[in-house]
């Protein structure tokens, strides 16, 4: 409990900014992973058909 008094908590503006940053990075990583998944699935489909 004593350690929580020493923590410097973010203010409202910092919390909102960091939350939006996390959402943006998560969305970007999701798009990248979805793109890689699509490329691999299409490549595998082409490899198995031929």
C-alpha atoms as a PDB file:
ATOM      1  CA  UNK A   1       0.000   0.000   0.000  1.00  0.00           C
ATOM      2  CA  UNK A   2       2.825   2.404   0.798  1.00  0.00           C
ATOM      3  CA  UNK A   3       4.312   1.966  -2.658  1.00  0.00           C
ATOM      4  CA  UNK A   4       1.090   3.153  -4.299  1.00  0.00           C
ATOM      5  CA  UNK A   5       1.558   6.524  -2.623  1.00  0.00           C
ATOM      6  CA  UNK A   6       4.885   6.890  -4.434  1.00  0.00           C
ATOM      7  CA  UNK A   7       3.455   6.164  -7.885  1.00  0.00           C
ATOM      8  CA  UNK A   8       3.113   9.157 -10.173  1.00  0.00           C
ATOM      9  CA  UNK A   9      -0.235   8.496 -11.848  1.00  0.00           C
ATOM     10  CA  UNK A  10      -0.918  10.028 -15.291  1.00  0.00           C
ATOM     11  CA  UNK A  11      -3.335  12.924 -15.505  1.00  0.00           C
ATOM     12  CA  UNK A  12      -6.470  12.886 -17.657  1.00  0.00           C
ATOM     13  CA  UNK A  13      -4.785  14.276 -20.788  1.00  0.00           C
ATOM     14  CA  UNK A  14      -1.924  11.780 -20.577  1.00  0.00           C
ATOM     15  CA  UNK A  15      -4.362   8.924 -20.038  1.00  0.00           C
ATOM     16  CA  UNK A  16      -6.429   9.874 -23.084  1.00  0.00           C
ATOM     17  CA  UNK A  17      -3.322  10.374 -25.263  1.00  0.00           C
ATOM     18  CA  UNK A  18      -1.764   7.079 -24.228  1.00  0.00           C
ATOM     19  CA  UNK A  19      -5.069   5.224 -24.640  1.00  0.00           C
ATOM     20  CA  UNK A  20      -5.440   6.549 -28.188  1.00  0.00           C
ATOM     21  CA  UNK A  21      -1.828   5.595 -28.878  1.00  0.00           C
ATOM     22  CA  UNK A  22      -2.455   2.025 -27.704  1.00  0.00           C
ATOM     23  CA  UNK A  23      -5.633   1.778 -29.794  1.00  0.00           C
ATOM     24  CA  UNK A  24      -3.801   3.108 -32.870  1.00  0.00           C
ATOM     25  CA  UNK A  25      -0.854   0.750 -32.478  1.00  0.00           C
ATOM     26  CA  UNK A  26      -3.185  -2.202 -31.856  1.00  0.00           C
ATOM     27  CA  UNK A  27      -5.195  -1.383 -34.984  1.00  0.00           C
ATOM     28  CA  UNK A  28      -2.024  -1.021 -37.066  1.00  0.00           C
ATOM     29  CA  UNK A  29      -0.582  -4.309 -35.826  1.00  0.00           C
ATOM     30  CA  UNK A  30      -3.948  -5.967 -36.493  1.00  0.00           C
ATOM     31  CA  UNK A  31      -3.904  -4.729 -40.086  1.00  0.00           C
ATOM     32  CA  UNK A  32      -0.342  -5.949 -40.573  1.00  0.00           C
ATOM     33  CA  UNK A  33      -1.148  -9.393 -39.160  1.00  0.00           C
ATOM     34  CA  UNK A  34      -4.318  -9.609 -41.271  1.00  0.00           C
ATOM     35  CA  UNK A  35      -2.338  -8.657 -44.376  1.00  0.00           C
ATOM     36  CA  UNK A  36       0.341 -11.260 -43.692  1.00  0.00           C
ATOM     37  CA  UNK A  37      -2.347 -13.868 -43.023  1.00  0.00           C
ATOM     38  CA  UNK A  38      -4.053 -13.030 -46.314  1.00  0.00           C
ATOM     39  CA  UNK A  39      -0.787 -13.240 -48.253  1.00  0.00           C
ATOM     40  CA  UNK A  40       0.107 -16.604 -46.730  1.00  0.00           C
ATOM     41  CA  UNK A  41      -3.380 -18.059 -47.214  1.00  0.00           C
ATOM     42  CA  UNK A  42      -3.479 -16.971 -50.858  1.00  0.00           C
ATOM     43  CA  UNK A  43       0.039 -18.272 -51.429  1.00  0.00           C
ATOM     44  CA  UNK A  44      -0.810 -21.599 -49.838  1.00  0.00           C
ATOM     45  CA  UNK A  45      -3.986 -21.864 -51.906  1.00  0.00           C
ATOM     46  CA  UNK A  46      -2.032 -21.237 -55.100  1.00  0.00           C
ATOM     47  CA  UNK A  47       0.655 -23.735 -54.096  1.00  0.00           C
ATOM     48  CA  UNK A  48      -1.858 -26.470 -53.299  1.00  0.00           C
ATOM     49  CA  UNK A  49      -3.955 -25.952 -56.438  1.00  0.00           C
ATOM     50  CA  UNK A  50      -1.015 -26.288 -58.824  1.00  0.00           C
END
